[in-house]
Protein backbone atom coordinates (compact mmCIF):
# COMPACT_ATOMS: atom_id res chain seq x y z
CA UNK A 1 114.44 89.39 87.33
CA UNK A 2 111.53 89.20 90.39
CA UNK A 3 108.76 87.33 89.49
CA UNK A 4 105.62 87.09 90.97
CA UNK A 5 101.69 87.05 90.88
CA UNK A 6 102.05 90.73 90.17
CA UNK A 7 103.44 90.22 86.21
CA UNK A 8 100.62 90.28 84.03
CA UNK A 9 100.79 87.32 81.01
CA UNK A 10 102.69 88.22 77.93
CA UNK A 11 106.00 88.73 76.73
CA UNK A 12 108.56 90.07 79.02
CA UNK A 13 111.93 91.54 78.08
CA UNK A 14 114.35 91.86 80.09
CA UNK A 15 118.47 92.12 79.83
CA UNK A 16 121.34 91.35 82.38
CA UNK A 17 124.62 92.53 82.57
CA UNK A 18 126.72 89.62 82.13
CA UNK A 19 130.93 90.86 83.31
CA UNK A 20 133.84 88.55 83.72
CA UNK A 21 135.81 89.96 86.32
CA UNK A 22 139.65 89.17 86.73
CA UNK A 23 140.92 87.59 89.84
CA UNK A 24 142.12 91.00 90.79
CA UNK A 25 139.05 92.81 90.52
CA UNK A 26 138.98 93.83 86.44
CA UNK A 27 136.13 93.79 84.06
CA UNK A 28 137.72 91.67 81.17
CA UNK A 29 134.89 91.45 79.36
CA UNK A 30 131.15 92.93 79.54
CA UNK A 31 128.07 91.30 77.36
CA UNK A 32 124.52 92.44 77.44
CA UNK A 33 122.18 89.64 77.83
CA UNK A 34 118.55 90.05 76.71
CA UNK A 35 116.04 87.44 78.39
CA UNK A 36 112.94 86.89 76.57
CA UNK A 37 110.07 85.27 79.49
CA UNK A 38 106.53 84.09 77.83
CA UNK A 39 104.76 84.32 80.83
CA UNK A 40 101.42 82.34 80.29
CA UNK A 41 97.58 83.19 81.43
CA UNK A 42 97.92 81.22 84.74
CA UNK A 43 95.04 81.10 88.38
CA UNK A 44 95.41 79.68 91.78
CA UNK A 45 92.78 79.76 93.95
CA UNK A 46 92.62 79.00 97.83
CA UNK A 47 89.51 79.38 100.01
CA UNK A 48 89.41 81.35 103.05
CA UNK A 49 87.53 80.93 106.41
CA UNK A 50 86.28 77.45 105.72
CA UNK A 51 88.17 74.56 107.06
CA UNK A 52 89.33 71.08 105.88
CA UNK A 53 92.37 69.57 103.96
CA UNK A 54 93.66 69.79 100.76
CA UNK A 55 91.22 69.99 98.36
CA UNK A 56 87.99 70.07 100.16
CA UNK A 57 86.81 73.43 102.52
CA UNK A 58 84.30 72.67 104.41
CA UNK A 59 81.42 75.34 105.41
CA UNK A 60 79.47 73.92 108.88
CA UNK A 61 76.42 75.86 109.26
CA UNK A 62 76.13 74.31 112.79
CA UNK A 63 72.06 74.05 113.75
CA UNK A 64 70.19 76.05 111.20
CA UNK A 65 66.96 77.33 112.43
CA UNK A 66 63.29 76.96 110.11
CA UNK A 67 62.08 80.19 111.02
CA UNK A 68 64.49 82.28 110.43
CA UNK A 69 67.33 83.48 108.20
CA UNK A 70 70.50 81.37 108.99
CA UNK A 71 74.16 82.97 107.73
CA UNK A 72 77.27 81.33 107.50
CA UNK A 73 80.64 82.38 109.36
CA UNK A 74 82.34 84.77 106.81
CA UNK A 75 84.61 82.59 104.16
CA UNK A 76 86.43 84.01 100.94
CA UNK A 77 87.98 82.96 98.11
CA UNK A 78 91.08 84.60 97.21
CA UNK A 79 92.37 84.36 93.82
CA UNK A 80 96.03 85.24 92.20
CA UNK A 81 95.86 86.01 88.48
CA UNK A 82 98.59 86.79 85.83
CA UNK A 83 95.64 87.90 83.48
CA UNK A 84 91.91 88.47 83.55
CA UNK A 85 89.62 85.57 85.27
CA UNK A 86 86.00 84.57 85.88
CA UNK A 87 84.90 82.31 88.68
CA UNK A 88 82.13 79.86 88.12
CA UNK A 89 80.40 77.99 91.35
CA UNK A 90 78.67 74.73 90.51
CA UNK A 91 76.16 73.01 92.94
CA UNK A 92 76.37 69.36 92.73
CA UNK A 93 72.32 69.72 94.52
CA UNK A 94 71.15 73.08 92.60
CA UNK A 95 71.68 75.15 95.39
CA UNK A 96 69.50 72.65 97.78
CA UNK A 97 70.93 71.12 101.09
CA UNK A 98 69.85 67.88 101.30
CA UNK A 99 69.98 64.33 103.15
CA UNK A 100 70.98 61.26 101.22
CA UNK A 101 67.96 58.85 101.98
CA UNK A 102 65.16 61.76 102.38
CA UNK A 103 63.03 63.84 100.25
CA UNK A 104 63.41 66.71 102.13
CA UNK A 105 65.19 69.81 100.14
CA UNK A 106 66.80 72.85 102.17
CA UNK A 107 67.29 75.94 99.34
CA UNK A 108 70.57 78.29 99.99
CA UNK A 109 71.98 81.27 98.11
CA UNK A 110 75.49 81.41 98.42
CA UNK A 111 76.57 85.20 97.71
CA UNK A 112 79.32 86.86 96.89
CA UNK A 113 80.41 90.01 97.61
CA UNK A 114 76.80 90.50 98.79
CA UNK A 115 75.36 89.31 95.04
CA UNK A 116 74.01 85.76 94.68
CA UNK A 117 76.14 83.67 92.72
CA UNK A 118 74.68 81.35 89.70
CA UNK A 119 74.67 77.91 91.23
CA UNK A 120 74.39 75.94 88.08
CA UNK A 121 78.64 76.77 86.75
CA UNK A 122 77.15 77.74 83.26
CA UNK A 123 77.48 81.37 84.07
CA UNK A 124 80.81 83.29 85.00
CA UNK A 125 80.17 84.82 88.63
CA UNK A 126 82.70 86.33 89.65
CA UNK A 127 84.81 88.47 86.99
CA UNK A 128 88.11 89.63 87.78
CA UNK A 129 91.91 91.09 86.27
CA UNK A 130 94.92 90.19 86.85
CA UNK A 131 96.43 90.45 90.37
CA UNK A 132 98.76 91.69 92.77
CA UNK A 133 101.13 89.18 94.86
CA UNK A 134 98.34 89.83 97.66
CA UNK A 135 95.59 88.82 94.98
CA UNK A 136 91.82 89.48 94.90
CA UNK A 137 89.74 88.51 98.07
CA UNK A 138 85.84 87.75 97.15
CA UNK A 139 83.54 87.13 100.30
CA UNK A 140 81.28 84.87 100.28
CA UNK A 141 78.13 83.68 102.38
CA UNK A 142 75.73 80.86 103.07
CA UNK A 143 72.72 81.97 103.65
CA UNK A 144 69.37 79.63 104.10
CA UNK A 145 66.37 81.28 104.25
CA UNK A 146 63.30 80.01 106.69
CA UNK A 147 62.09 76.58 105.51
CA UNK A 148 60.47 73.67 106.26
CA UNK A 149 62.21 69.84 106.72
CA UNK A 150 62.82 67.48 108.91
CA UNK A 151 65.79 67.34 111.01
CA UNK A 152 68.98 65.98 110.40
CA UNK A 153 72.01 66.42 108.44
CA UNK A 154 72.57 68.23 105.27
CA UNK A 155 74.81 68.63 102.58
CA UNK A 156 75.91 69.73 99.15
CA UNK A 157 78.76 70.38 97.51
CA UNK A 158 80.14 73.17 95.53
CA UNK A 159 82.72 73.20 92.77
CA UNK A 160 84.66 76.33 92.52
CA UNK A 161 86.58 76.76 89.19
CA UNK A 162 88.34 79.85 88.21
CA UNK A 163 89.67 80.42 84.39
CA UNK A 164 92.63 82.30 82.95
CA UNK A 165 91.66 84.70 80.20
């Protein structure tokens, strides 16, 4: 019985015909074997279009201009799930790029499918259903509006959590 991300969570039943075959190819005996499989709600996530290795992906905005709207290269989150799911986003700096030793903050927005997401981690910003084996792709974009801040290297860490229902 093939199992993939396309199967939904819950109890799945199937039967297999088991046959005892003699050396000359005759069916000597057979049995219908009932199989019950309990598929638990589970999810997997992959970030696409960002660089990095392992569990940390990096989005390099390059040199951002303070007098115009800056946008990241396209990226996204692909989710595979056996049940309904939700995705939350939590920014370590509450939606701001910061430098370690300076008080300047550059506010930004993270958008999923064009909509601004909540970066507090308190509300799911993306909700989906059980996926096929291809998963669901949710497009993401980082948008930095015009700002005033000193030059330097700025950063933030966003934790993406996907939860099965």
